[in-house]
Amino acid sequence: RAEFAESVGENSVHGSDAPETAAI
């Protein structure tokens, strides 16, 4: 995000925040 994000909304990536979320 420091290198590629354009804004808070256009922040280049999403990632799971917990094992349960990742599984879903």
mmCIF file of all heavy atoms, coordinates in Angstrom:
data_MODEL
# 
_entry.id   MODEL 
# 
loop_
_atom_site.group_PDB 
_atom_site.id 
_atom_site.type_symbol 
_atom_site.label_atom_id 
_atom_site.label_alt_id 
_atom_site.label_comp_id 
_atom_site.label_asym_id 
_atom_site.label_entity_id 
_atom_site.label_seq_id 
_atom_site.pdbx_PDB_ins_code 
_atom_site.Cartn_x 
_atom_site.Cartn_y 
_atom_site.Cartn_z 
_atom_site.occupancy 
_atom_site.B_iso_or_equiv 
_atom_site.pdbx_formal_charge 
_atom_site.auth_seq_id 
_atom_site.auth_comp_id 
_atom_site.auth_asym_id 
_atom_site.auth_atom_id 
_atom_site.pdbx_PDB_model_num 
ATOM 1   N N   . ARG A 1 1  ? 0.818   -1.219  0.000  1.00 0.00 ? 1  ARG A N   1 
ATOM 2   C CA  . ARG A 1 1  ? 0.000   0.000   0.000  1.00 0.00 ? 1  ARG A CA  1 
ATOM 3   C C   . ARG A 1 1  ? 0.848   1.264   0.000  1.00 0.00 ? 1  ARG A C   1 
ATOM 4   O O   . ARG A 1 1  ? 0.467   2.257   -0.620 1.00 0.00 ? 1  ARG A O   1 
ATOM 5   C CB  . ARG A 1 1  ? -0.982  -0.034  1.157  1.00 0.00 ? 1  ARG A CB  1 
ATOM 6   C CG  . ARG A 1 1  ? -2.078  -1.081  0.906  1.00 0.00 ? 1  ARG A CG  1 
ATOM 7   C CD  . ARG A 1 1  ? -3.000  -1.229  2.060  1.00 0.00 ? 1  ARG A CD  1 
ATOM 8   N NE  . ARG A 1 1  ? -4.132  -2.089  1.740  1.00 0.00 ? 1  ARG A NE  1 
ATOM 9   C CZ  . ARG A 1 1  ? -4.774  -2.813  2.649  1.00 0.00 ? 1  ARG A CZ  1 
ATOM 10  N NH1 . ARG A 1 1  ? -4.426  -2.760  3.922  1.00 0.00 ? 1  ARG A NH1 1 
ATOM 11  N NH2 . ARG A 1 1  ? -5.793  -3.562  2.281  1.00 0.00 ? 1  ARG A NH2 1 
ATOM 12  N N   . ALA A 1 2  ? 1.990   1.249   0.660  1.00 0.00 ? 2  ALA A N   1 
ATOM 13  C CA  . ALA A 1 2  ? 2.864   2.418   0.630  1.00 0.00 ? 2  ALA A CA  1 
ATOM 14  C C   . ALA A 1 2  ? 3.377   2.668   -0.780 1.00 0.00 ? 2  ALA A C   1 
ATOM 15  O O   . ALA A 1 2  ? 3.503   3.814   -1.206 1.00 0.00 ? 2  ALA A O   1 
ATOM 16  C CB  . ALA A 1 2  ? 4.034   2.227   1.591  1.00 0.00 ? 2  ALA A CB  1 
ATOM 17  N N   . GLU A 1 3  ? 3.657   1.604   -1.510 1.00 0.00 ? 3  GLU A N   1 
ATOM 18  C CA  . GLU A 1 3  ? 4.223   1.751   -2.853 1.00 0.00 ? 3  GLU A CA  1 
ATOM 19  C C   . GLU A 1 3  ? 3.185   1.920   -3.951 1.00 0.00 ? 3  GLU A C   1 
ATOM 20  O O   . GLU A 1 3  ? 3.442   2.622   -4.930 1.00 0.00 ? 3  GLU A O   1 
ATOM 21  C CB  . GLU A 1 3  ? 5.103   0.545   -3.173 1.00 0.00 ? 3  GLU A CB  1 
ATOM 22  C CG  . GLU A 1 3  ? 6.375   0.530   -2.364 1.00 0.00 ? 3  GLU A CG  1 
ATOM 23  C CD  . GLU A 1 3  ? 7.353   -0.540  -2.792 1.00 0.00 ? 3  GLU A CD  1 
ATOM 24  O OE1 . GLU A 1 3  ? 7.283   -1.018  -3.947 1.00 0.00 ? 3  GLU A OE1 1 
ATOM 25  O OE2 . GLU A 1 3  ? 8.191   -0.901  -1.959 1.00 0.00 ? 3  GLU A OE2 1 
ATOM 26  N N   . PHE A 1 4  ? 2.026   1.260   -3.821 1.00 0.00 ? 4  PHE A N   1 
ATOM 27  C CA  . PHE A 1 4  ? 1.109   1.181   -4.959 1.00 0.00 ? 4  PHE A CA  1 
ATOM 28  C C   . PHE A 1 4  ? -0.270  1.774   -4.750 1.00 0.00 ? 4  PHE A C   1 
ATOM 29  O O   . PHE A 1 4  ? -0.946  2.099   -5.721 1.00 0.00 ? 4  PHE A O   1 
ATOM 30  C CB  . PHE A 1 4  ? 0.941   -0.280  -5.393 1.00 0.00 ? 4  PHE A CB  1 
ATOM 31  C CG  . PHE A 1 4  ? 2.233   -0.964  -5.748 1.00 0.00 ? 4  PHE A CG  1 
ATOM 32  C CD1 . PHE A 1 4  ? 2.575   -2.164  -5.149 1.00 0.00 ? 4  PHE A CD1 1 
ATOM 33  C CD2 . PHE A 1 4  ? 3.114   -0.428  -6.673 1.00 0.00 ? 4  PHE A CD2 1 
ATOM 34  C CE1 . PHE A 1 4  ? 3.756   -2.820  -5.471 1.00 0.00 ? 4  PHE A CE1 1 
ATOM 35  C CE2 . PHE A 1 4  ? 4.297   -1.073  -7.000 1.00 0.00 ? 4  PHE A CE2 1 
ATOM 36  C CZ  . PHE A 1 4  ? 4.617   -2.270  -6.403 1.00 0.00 ? 4  PHE A CZ  1 
ATOM 37  N N   . ALA A 1 5  ? -0.749  1.900   -3.517 1.00 0.00 ? 5  ALA A N   1 
ATOM 38  C CA  . ALA A 1 5  ? -2.116  2.371   -3.293 1.00 0.00 ? 5  ALA A CA  1 
ATOM 39  C C   . ALA A 1 5  ? -2.274  3.818   -3.729 1.00 0.00 ? 5  ALA A C   1 
ATOM 40  O O   . ALA A 1 5  ? -1.361  4.628   -3.581 1.00 0.00 ? 5  ALA A O   1 
ATOM 41  C CB  . ALA A 1 5  ? -2.490  2.224   -1.821 1.00 0.00 ? 5  ALA A CB  1 
ATOM 42  N N   . GLU A 1 6  ? -3.448  4.109   -4.262 1.00 0.00 ? 6  GLU A N   1 
ATOM 43  C CA  . GLU A 1 6  ? -3.730  5.468   -4.706 1.00 0.00 ? 6  GLU A CA  1 
ATOM 44  C C   . GLU A 1 6  ? -4.498  6.273   -3.653 1.00 0.00 ? 6  GLU A C   1 
ATOM 45  O O   . GLU A 1 6  ? -4.453  7.490   -3.665 1.00 0.00 ? 6  GLU A O   1 
ATOM 46  C CB  . GLU A 1 6  ? -4.513  5.420   -6.020 1.00 0.00 ? 6  GLU A CB  1 
ATOM 47  C CG  . GLU A 1 6  ? -3.695  4.786   -7.128 1.00 0.00 ? 6  GLU A CG  1 
ATOM 48  C CD  . GLU A 1 6  ? -4.356  4.849   -8.482 1.00 0.00 ? 6  GLU A CD  1 
ATOM 49  O OE1 . GLU A 1 6  ? -5.522  4.454   -8.612 1.00 0.00 ? 6  GLU A OE1 1 
ATOM 50  O OE2 . GLU A 1 6  ? -3.674  5.298   -9.430 1.00 0.00 ? 6  GLU A OE2 1 
ATOM 51  N N   . SER A 1 7  ? -5.201  5.590   -2.768 1.00 0.00 ? 7  SER A N   1 
ATOM 52  C CA  . SER A 1 7  ? -5.979  6.245   -1.718 1.00 0.00 ? 7  SER A CA  1 
ATOM 53  C C   . SER A 1 7  ? -6.426  5.191   -0.709 1.00 0.00 ? 7  SER A C   1 
ATOM 54  O O   . SER A 1 7  ? -6.174  4.003   -0.899 1.00 0.00 ? 7  SER A O   1 
ATOM 55  C CB  . SER A 1 7  ? -7.211  6.934   -2.319 1.00 0.00 ? 7  SER A CB  1 
ATOM 56  O OG  . SER A 1 7  ? -8.109  5.956   -2.830 1.00 0.00 ? 7  SER A OG  1 
ATOM 57  N N   . VAL A 1 8  ? -7.141  5.617   0.319  1.00 0.00 ? 8  VAL A N   1 
ATOM 58  C CA  . VAL A 1 8  ? -7.694  4.672   1.285  1.00 0.00 ? 8  VAL A CA  1 
ATOM 59  C C   . VAL A 1 8  ? -8.660  3.716   0.586  1.00 0.00 ? 8  VAL A C   1 
ATOM 60  O O   . VAL A 1 8  ? -8.658  2.515   0.845  1.00 0.00 ? 8  VAL A O   1 
ATOM 61  C CB  . VAL A 1 8  ? -8.407  5.406   2.443  1.00 0.00 ? 8  VAL A CB  1 
ATOM 62  C CG1 . VAL A 1 8  ? -9.127  4.425   3.353  1.00 0.00 ? 8  VAL A CG1 1 
ATOM 63  C CG2 . VAL A 1 8  ? -7.426  6.239   3.238  1.00 0.00 ? 8  VAL A CG2 1 
ATOM 64  N N   . GLY A 1 9  ? -9.468  4.233   -0.306 1.00 0.00 ? 9  GLY A N   1 
ATOM 65  C CA  . GLY A 1 9  ? -10.444 3.418   -1.026 1.00 0.00 ? 9  GLY A CA  1 
ATOM 66  C C   . GLY A 1 9  ? -9.824  2.550   -2.106 1.00 0.00 ? 9  GLY A C   1 
ATOM 67  O O   . GLY A 1 9  ? -10.253 1.421   -2.327 1.00 0.00 ? 9  GLY A O   1 
ATOM 68  N N   . GLU A 1 10 ? -8.851  3.096   -2.801 1.00 0.00 ? 10 GLU A N   1 
ATOM 69  C CA  . GLU A 1 10 ? -8.173  2.362   -3.876 1.00 0.00 ? 10 GLU A CA  1 
ATOM 70  C C   . GLU A 1 10 ? -6.794  1.973   -3.360 1.00 0.00 ? 10 GLU A C   1 
ATOM 71  O O   . GLU A 1 10 ? -5.778  2.560   -3.722 1.00 0.00 ? 10 GLU A O   1 
ATOM 72  C CB  . GLU A 1 10 ? -8.108  3.211   -5.143 1.00 0.00 ? 10 GLU A CB  1 
ATOM 73  C CG  . GLU A 1 10 ? -9.490  3.489   -5.703 1.00 0.00 ? 10 GLU A CG  1 
ATOM 74  C CD  . GLU A 1 10 ? -9.475  4.209   -7.046 1.00 0.00 ? 10 GLU A CD  1 
ATOM 75  O OE1 . GLU A 1 10 ? -8.409  4.374   -7.653 1.00 0.00 ? 10 GLU A OE1 1 
ATOM 76  O OE2 . GLU A 1 10 ? -10.572 4.616   -7.472 1.00 0.00 ? 10 GLU A OE2 1 
ATOM 77  N N   . ASN A 1 11 ? -6.794  0.946   -2.499 1.00 0.00 ? 11 ASN A N   1 
ATOM 78  C CA  . ASN A 1 11 ? -5.574  0.596   -1.777 1.00 0.00 ? 11 ASN A CA  1 
ATOM 79  C C   . ASN A 1 11 ? -4.898  -0.687  -2.263 1.00 0.00 ? 11 ASN A C   1 
ATOM 80  O O   . ASN A 1 11 ? -4.138  -1.302  -1.540 1.00 0.00 ? 11 ASN A O   1 
ATOM 81  C CB  . ASN A 1 11 ? -5.829  0.563   -0.272 1.00 0.00 ? 11 ASN A CB  1 
ATOM 82  C CG  . ASN A 1 11 ? -6.878  -0.461  0.125  1.00 0.00 ? 11 ASN A CG  1 
ATOM 83  O OD1 . ASN A 1 11 ? -7.147  -1.408  -0.593 1.00 0.00 ? 11 ASN A OD1 1 
ATOM 84  N ND2 . ASN A 1 11 ? -7.466  -0.263  1.286  1.00 0.00 ? 11 ASN A ND2 1 
ATOM 85  N N   . SER A 1 12 ? -5.222  -1.096  -3.474 1.00 0.00 ? 12 SER A N   1 
ATOM 86  C CA  . SER A 1 12 ? -4.517  -2.138  -4.240 1.00 0.00 ? 12 SER A CA  1 
ATOM 87  C C   . SER A 1 12 ? -4.725  -3.581  -3.803 1.00 0.00 ? 12 SER A C   1 
ATOM 88  O O   . SER A 1 12 ? -4.662  -4.470  -4.639 1.00 0.00 ? 12 SER A O   1 
ATOM 89  C CB  . SER A 1 12 ? -3.014  -1.858  -4.315 1.00 0.00 ? 12 SER A CB  1 
ATOM 90  O OG  . SER A 1 12 ? -2.775  -0.622  -4.950 1.00 0.00 ? 12 SER A OG  1 
ATOM 91  N N   . VAL A 1 13 ? -4.947  -3.859  -2.521 1.00 0.00 ? 13 VAL A N   1 
ATOM 92  C CA  . VAL A 1 13 ? -5.047  -5.243  -2.071 1.00 0.00 ? 13 VAL A CA  1 
ATOM 93  C C   . VAL A 1 13 ? -6.054  -5.410  -0.930 1.00 0.00 ? 13 VAL A C   1 
ATOM 94  O O   . VAL A 1 13 ? -6.327  -4.471  -0.193 1.00 0.00 ? 13 VAL A O   1 
ATOM 95  C CB  . VAL A 1 13 ? -3.681  -5.802  -1.601 1.00 0.00 ? 13 VAL A CB  1 
ATOM 96  C CG1 . VAL A 1 13 ? -2.767  -6.105  -2.767 1.00 0.00 ? 13 VAL A CG1 1 
ATOM 97  C CG2 . VAL A 1 13 ? -2.999  -4.856  -0.628 1.00 0.00 ? 13 VAL A CG2 1 
ATOM 98  N N   . HIS A 1 14 ? -6.551  -6.626  -0.819 1.00 0.00 ? 14 HIS A N   1 
ATOM 99  C CA  . HIS A 1 14 ? -7.386  -7.052  0.301  1.00 0.00 ? 14 HIS A CA  1 
ATOM 100 C C   . HIS A 1 14 ? -6.754  -8.312  0.856  1.00 0.00 ? 14 HIS A C   1 
ATOM 101 O O   . HIS A 1 14 ? -6.216  -9.131  0.099  1.00 0.00 ? 14 HIS A O   1 
ATOM 102 C CB  . HIS A 1 14 ? -8.807  -7.373  -0.178 1.00 0.00 ? 14 HIS A CB  1 
ATOM 103 C CG  . HIS A 1 14 ? -9.591  -8.201  0.803  1.00 0.00 ? 14 HIS A CG  1 
ATOM 104 N ND1 . HIS A 1 14 ? -10.356 -7.644  1.792  1.00 0.00 ? 14 HIS A ND1 1 
ATOM 105 C CD2 . HIS A 1 14 ? -9.698  -9.551  0.953  1.00 0.00 ? 14 HIS A CD2 1 
ATOM 106 C CE1 . HIS A 1 14 ? -10.910 -8.616  2.510  1.00 0.00 ? 14 HIS A CE1 1 
ATOM 107 N NE2 . HIS A 1 14 ? -10.522 -9.786  2.011  1.00 0.00 ? 14 HIS A NE2 1 
ATOM 108 N N   . GLY A 1 15 ? -6.829  -8.494  2.161  1.00 0.00 ? 15 GLY A N   1 
ATOM 109 C CA  . GLY A 1 15 ? -6.346  -9.725  2.770  1.00 0.00 ? 15 GLY A CA  1 
ATOM 110 C C   . GLY A 1 15 ? -7.196  -10.111 3.956  1.00 0.00 ? 15 GLY A C   1 
ATOM 111 O O   . GLY A 1 15 ? -7.707  -9.242  4.670  1.00 0.00 ? 15 GLY A O   1 
ATOM 112 N N   . SER A 1 16 ? -7.353  -11.394 4.162  1.00 0.00 ? 16 SER A N   1 
ATOM 113 C CA  . SER A 1 16 ? -8.131  -11.899 5.298  1.00 0.00 ? 16 SER A CA  1 
ATOM 114 C C   . SER A 1 16 ? -7.514  -11.431 6.614  1.00 0.00 ? 16 SER A C   1 
ATOM 115 O O   . SER A 1 16 ? -6.301  -11.291 6.721  1.00 0.00 ? 16 SER A O   1 
ATOM 116 C CB  . SER A 1 16 ? -8.161  -13.425 5.279  1.00 0.00 ? 16 SER A CB  1 
ATOM 117 O OG  . SER A 1 16 ? -8.734  -13.904 4.087  1.00 0.00 ? 16 SER A OG  1 
ATOM 118 N N   . ASP A 1 17 ? -8.385  -11.250 7.611  1.00 0.00 ? 17 ASP A N   1 
ATOM 119 C CA  . ASP A 1 17 ? -7.909  -10.751 8.904  1.00 0.00 ? 17 ASP A CA  1 
ATOM 120 C C   . ASP A 1 17 ? -7.853  -11.805 10.007 1.00 0.00 ? 17 ASP A C   1 
ATOM 121 O O   . ASP A 1 17 ? -7.376  -11.523 11.100 1.00 0.00 ? 17 ASP A O   1 
ATOM 122 C CB  . ASP A 1 17 ? -8.754  -9.560  9.366  1.00 0.00 ? 17 ASP A CB  1 
ATOM 123 C CG  . ASP A 1 17 ? -10.222 -9.909  9.549  1.00 0.00 ? 17 ASP A CG  1 
ATOM 124 O OD1 . ASP A 1 17 ? -10.616 -11.083 9.359  1.00 0.00 ? 17 ASP A OD1 1 
ATOM 125 O OD2 . ASP A 1 17 ? -10.995 -8.997  9.887  1.00 0.00 ? 17 ASP A OD2 1 
ATOM 126 N N   . ALA A 1 18 ? -8.341  -13.017 9.737  1.00 0.00 ? 18 ALA A N   1 
ATOM 127 C CA  . ALA A 1 18 ? -8.360  -14.068 10.752 1.00 0.00 ? 18 ALA A CA  1 
ATOM 128 C C   . ALA A 1 18 ? -8.539  -15.424 10.067 1.00 0.00 ? 18 ALA A C   1 
ATOM 129 O O   . ALA A 1 18 ? -9.015  -15.475 8.926  1.00 0.00 ? 18 ALA A O   1 
ATOM 130 C CB  . ALA A 1 18 ? -9.513  -13.826 11.731 1.00 0.00 ? 18 ALA A CB  1 
ATOM 131 N N   . PRO A 1 19 ? -8.186  -16.506 10.736 1.00 0.00 ? 19 PRO A N   1 
ATOM 132 C CA  . PRO A 1 19 ? -8.344  -17.842 10.130 1.00 0.00 ? 19 PRO A CA  1 
ATOM 133 C C   . PRO A 1 19 ? -9.779  -18.140 9.686  1.00 0.00 ? 19 PRO A C   1 
ATOM 134 O O   . PRO A 1 19 ? -9.993  -18.708 8.611  1.00 0.00 ? 19 PRO A O   1 
ATOM 135 C CB  . PRO A 1 19 ? -7.906  -18.794 11.244 1.00 0.00 ? 19 PRO A CB  1 
ATOM 136 C CG  . PRO A 1 19 ? -6.977  -17.989 12.086 1.00 0.00 ? 19 PRO A CG  1 
ATOM 137 C CD  . PRO A 1 19 ? -7.518  -16.579 12.038 1.00 0.00 ? 19 PRO A CD  1 
ATOM 138 N N   . GLU A 1 20 ? -10.757 -17.724 10.484 1.00 0.00 ? 20 GLU A N   1 
ATOM 139 C CA  . GLU A 1 20 ? -12.158 -17.979 10.138 1.00 0.00 ? 20 GLU A CA  1 
ATOM 140 C C   . GLU A 1 20 ? -12.550 -17.202 8.884  1.00 0.00 ? 20 GLU A C   1 
ATOM 141 O O   . GLU A 1 20 ? -13.228 -17.733 8.004  1.00 0.00 ? 20 GLU A O   1 
ATOM 142 C CB  . GLU A 1 20 ? -13.074 -17.580 11.304 1.00 0.00 ? 20 GLU A CB  1 
ATOM 143 C CG  . GLU A 1 20 ? -12.808 -18.322 12.602 1.00 0.00 ? 20 GLU A CG  1 
ATOM 144 C CD  . GLU A 1 20 ? -11.592 -17.814 13.384 1.00 0.00 ? 20 GLU A CD  1 
ATOM 145 O OE1 . GLU A 1 20 ? -11.155 -16.651 13.172 1.00 0.00 ? 20 GLU A OE1 1 
ATOM 146 O OE2 . GLU A 1 20 ? -11.059 -18.591 14.193 1.00 0.00 ? 20 GLU A OE2 1 
ATOM 147 N N   . THR A 1 21 ? -12.137 -15.966 8.810  1.00 0.00 ? 21 THR A N   1 
ATOM 148 C CA  . THR A 1 21 ? -12.422 -15.141 7.642  1.00 0.00 ? 21 THR A CA  1 
ATOM 149 C C   . THR A 1 21 ? -11.734 -15.709 6.411  1.00 0.00 ? 21 THR A C   1 
ATOM 150 O O   . THR A 1 21 ? -12.324 -15.781 5.331  1.00 0.00 ? 21 THR A O   1 
ATOM 151 C CB  . THR A 1 21 ? -11.944 -13.685 7.874  1.00 0.00 ? 21 THR A CB  1 
ATOM 152 O OG1 . THR A 1 21 ? -12.445 -13.226 9.121  1.00 0.00 ? 21 THR A OG1 1 
ATOM 153 C CG2 . THR A 1 21 ? -12.412 -12.766 6.772  1.00 0.00 ? 21 THR A CG2 1 
ATOM 154 N N   . ALA A 1 22 ? -10.487 -16.127 6.560  1.00 0.00 ? 22 ALA A N   1 
ATOM 155 C CA  . ALA A 1 22 ? -9.738  -16.706 5.438  1.00 0.00 ? 22 ALA A CA  1 
ATOM 156 C C   . ALA A 1 22 ? -10.464 -17.920 4.881  1.00 0.00 ? 22 ALA A C   1 
ATOM 157 O O   . ALA A 1 22 ? -10.608 -18.061 3.655  1.00 0.00 ? 22 ALA A O   1 
ATOM 158 C CB  . ALA A 1 22 ? -8.320  -17.071 5.876  1.00 0.00 ? 22 ALA A CB  1 
ATOM 159 N N   . ALA A 1 23 ? -10.940 -18.793 5.750  1.00 0.00 ? 23 ALA A N   1 
ATOM 160 C CA  . ALA A 1 23 ? -11.636 -20.003 5.296  1.00 0.00 ? 23 ALA A CA  1 
ATOM 161 C C   . ALA A 1 23 ? -12.888 -19.647 4.503  1.00 0.00 ? 23 ALA A C   1 
ATOM 162 O O   . ALA A 1 23 ? -13.152 -20.225 3.436  1.00 0.00 ? 23 ALA A O   1 
ATOM 163 C CB  . ALA A 1 23 ? -11.982 -20.885 6.493  1.00 0.00 ? 23 ALA A CB  1 
ATOM 164 N N   . ILE A 1 24 ? -13.652 -18.684 4.983  1.00 0.00 ? 24 ILE A N   1 
ATOM 165 C CA  . ILE A 1 24 ? -14.882 -18.258 4.299  1.00 0.00 ? 24 ILE A CA  1 
ATOM 166 C C   . ILE A 1 24 ? -14.548 -17.612 2.957  1.00 0.00 ? 24 ILE A C   1 
ATOM 167 O O   . ILE A 1 24 ? -15.162 -17.910 1.932  1.00 0.00 ? 24 ILE A O   1 
ATOM 168 C CB  . ILE A 1 24 ? -15.688 -17.292 5.188  1.00 0.00 ? 24 ILE A CB  1 
ATOM 169 C CG1 . ILE A 1 24 ? -16.237 -18.046 6.407  1.00 0.00 ? 24 ILE A CG1 1 
ATOM 170 C CG2 . ILE A 1 24 ? -16.804 -16.610 4.398  1.00 0.00 ? 24 ILE A CG2 1 
ATOM 171 C CD1 . ILE A 1 24 ? -16.754 -17.136 7.506  1.00 0.00 ? 24 ILE A CD1 1 
# 
